[in-house]
Amino acid sequence: MKGIIDRFEGNFAVVELDNGEIIDIERVKIPKEAKEGDVIDIGEEIKVDVEETKRVKDDIEKMVEHMWEE
């Protein structure tokens, strides 16, 4: 399962899953290098999906560019 870190609140990461559900994950279970906007793979171990994070950020940048062109 994949999710995107929306924000950190205290000892928790607020994560939006691919199905739109919002969950809280204890921050200690998230890799230390993880930050808001990162895509994470959630399984037995939680890992940052660096390639997917880059793809999502690139897609968002393109959408924003197109918004300003109109």
C-alpha atoms as a PDB file:
ATOM      1  CA  MET A   1       0.000   0.000   0.000  1.00  0.00           C
ATOM      2  CA  LYS A   2       1.228   3.512  -0.755  1.00  0.00           C
ATOM      3  CA  GLY A   3       0.503   6.835   0.870  1.00  0.00           C
ATOM      4  CA  ILE A   4       1.669  10.434   0.856  1.00  0.00           C
ATOM      5  CA  ILE A   5       2.802  12.170   4.023  1.00  0.00           C
ATOM      6  CA  ASP A   6       0.491  15.161   4.352  1.00  0.00           C
ATOM      7  CA  ARG A   7       1.972  16.578   7.547  1.00  0.00           C
ATOM      8  CA  PHE A   8       3.463  15.786  10.931  1.00  0.00           C
ATOM      9  CA  GLU A   9       1.457  16.418  14.074  1.00  0.00           C
ATOM     10  CA  GLY A  10       3.315  15.782  17.299  1.00  0.00           C
ATOM     11  CA  ASN A  11       4.385  12.139  17.378  1.00  0.00           C
ATOM     12  CA  PHE A  12       2.378  11.189  14.279  1.00  0.00           C
ATOM     13  CA  ALA A  13       2.599  11.456  10.501  1.00  0.00           C
ATOM     14  CA  VAL A  14      -0.755  12.160   8.853  1.00  0.00           C
ATOM     15  CA  VAL A  15      -0.801  10.048   5.683  1.00  0.00           C
ATOM     16  CA  GLU A  16      -3.247   9.995   2.775  1.00  0.00           C
ATOM     17  CA  LEU A  17      -3.504   6.503   1.302  1.00  0.00           C
ATOM     18  CA  ASP A  18      -4.060   5.770  -2.402  1.00  0.00           C
ATOM     19  CA  ASN A  19      -7.756   5.114  -1.671  1.00  0.00           C
ATOM     20  CA  GLY A  20      -8.171   8.606  -0.150  1.00  0.00           C
ATOM     21  CA  GLU A  21      -8.324   7.392   3.456  1.00  0.00           C
ATOM     22  CA  ILE A  22      -6.383   9.475   5.993  1.00  0.00           C
ATOM     23  CA  ILE A  23      -4.458   7.622   8.689  1.00  0.00           C
ATOM     24  CA  ASP A  24      -2.015   8.490  11.460  1.00  0.00           C
ATOM     25  CA  ILE A  25       1.257   6.566  11.701  1.00  0.00           C
ATOM     26  CA  GLU A  26       3.557   6.881  14.673  1.00  0.00           C
ATOM     27  CA  ARG A  27       6.498   9.049  13.647  1.00  0.00           C
ATOM     28  CA  VAL A  28       9.010   6.525  15.011  1.00  0.00           C
ATOM     29  CA  LYS A  29       7.767   4.027  12.376  1.00  0.00           C
ATOM     30  CA  ILE A  30       8.489   6.471   9.536  1.00  0.00           C
ATOM     31  CA  PRO A  31      12.076   6.739   8.179  1.00  0.00           C
ATOM     32  CA  LYS A  32      13.925   9.710   9.714  1.00  0.00           C
ATOM     33  CA  GLU A  33      14.615  11.218   6.278  1.00  0.00           C
ATOM     34  CA  ALA A  34      10.904  11.266   5.356  1.00  0.00           C
ATOM     35  CA  LYS A  35       9.284  14.666   4.935  1.00  0.00           C
ATOM     36  CA  GLU A  36       5.931  16.160   4.017  1.00  0.00           C
ATOM     37  CA  GLY A  37       4.973  15.284   0.450  1.00  0.00           C
ATOM     38  CA  ASP A  38       6.993  12.062   0.330  1.00  0.00           C
ATOM     39  CA  VAL A  39       5.368   8.918  -1.045  1.00  0.00           C
ATOM     40  CA  ILE A  40       5.830   5.984   1.289  1.00  0.00           C
ATOM     41  CA  ASP A  41       5.427   2.233   0.827  1.00  0.00           C
ATOM     42  CA  ILE A  42       3.568   0.821   3.796  1.00  0.00           C
ATOM     43  CA  GLY A  43       4.177  -2.833   4.506  1.00  0.00           C
ATOM     44  CA  GLU A  44       6.020  -4.762   7.175  1.00  0.00           C
ATOM     45  CA  GLU A  45       8.510  -1.921   6.951  1.00  0.00           C
ATOM     46  CA  ILE A  46       7.773   1.650   5.861  1.00  0.00           C
ATOM     47  CA  LYS A  47      10.070   3.028   3.169  1.00  0.00           C
ATOM     48  CA  VAL A  48      10.220   6.291   1.236  1.00  0.00           C
ATOM     49  CA  ASP A  49       9.575   5.668  -2.476  1.00  0.00           C
ATOM     50  CA  VAL A  50      12.056   8.184  -3.884  1.00  0.00           C
ATOM     51  CA  GLU A  51      11.160   7.629  -7.556  1.00  0.00           C
ATOM     52  CA  GLU A  52       7.403   7.937  -6.978  1.00  0.00           C
ATOM     53  CA  THR A  53       7.922  11.020  -4.802  1.00  0.00           C
ATOM     54  CA  LYS A  54       9.866  12.677  -7.636  1.00  0.00           C
ATOM     55  CA  ARG A  55       7.209  11.734 -10.198  1.00  0.00           C
ATOM     56  CA  VAL A  56       4.388  13.150  -8.053  1.00  0.00           C
ATOM     57  CA  LYS A  57       6.290  16.393  -7.386  1.00  0.00           C
ATOM     58  CA  ASP A  58       7.068  16.780 -11.110  1.00  0.00           C
ATOM     59  CA  ASP A  59       3.388  16.223 -11.982  1.00  0.00           C
ATOM     60  CA  ILE A  60       2.312  18.864  -9.455  1.00  0.00           C
ATOM     61  CA  GLU A  61       4.845  21.376 -10.804  1.00  0.00           C
ATOM     62  CA  LYS A  62       3.533  20.815 -14.348  1.00  0.00           C
ATOM     63  CA  MET A  63      -0.068  21.334 -13.201  1.00  0.00           C
ATOM     64  CA  VAL A  64       0.856  24.582 -11.453  1.00  0.00           C
ATOM     65  CA  GLU A  65       2.731  25.818 -14.536  1.00  0.00           C
ATOM     66  CA  HIS A  66      -0.334  25.160 -16.703  1.00  0.00           C
ATOM     67  CA  MET A  67      -2.585  27.011 -14.257  1.00  0.00           C
ATOM     68  CA  TRP A  68      -0.502  30.172 -14.603  1.00  0.00           C
ATOM     69  CA  GLU A  69      -0.362  29.930 -18.400  1.00  0.00           C
ATOM     70  CA  GLU A  70      -4.115  30.476 -18.814  1.00  0.00           C
END
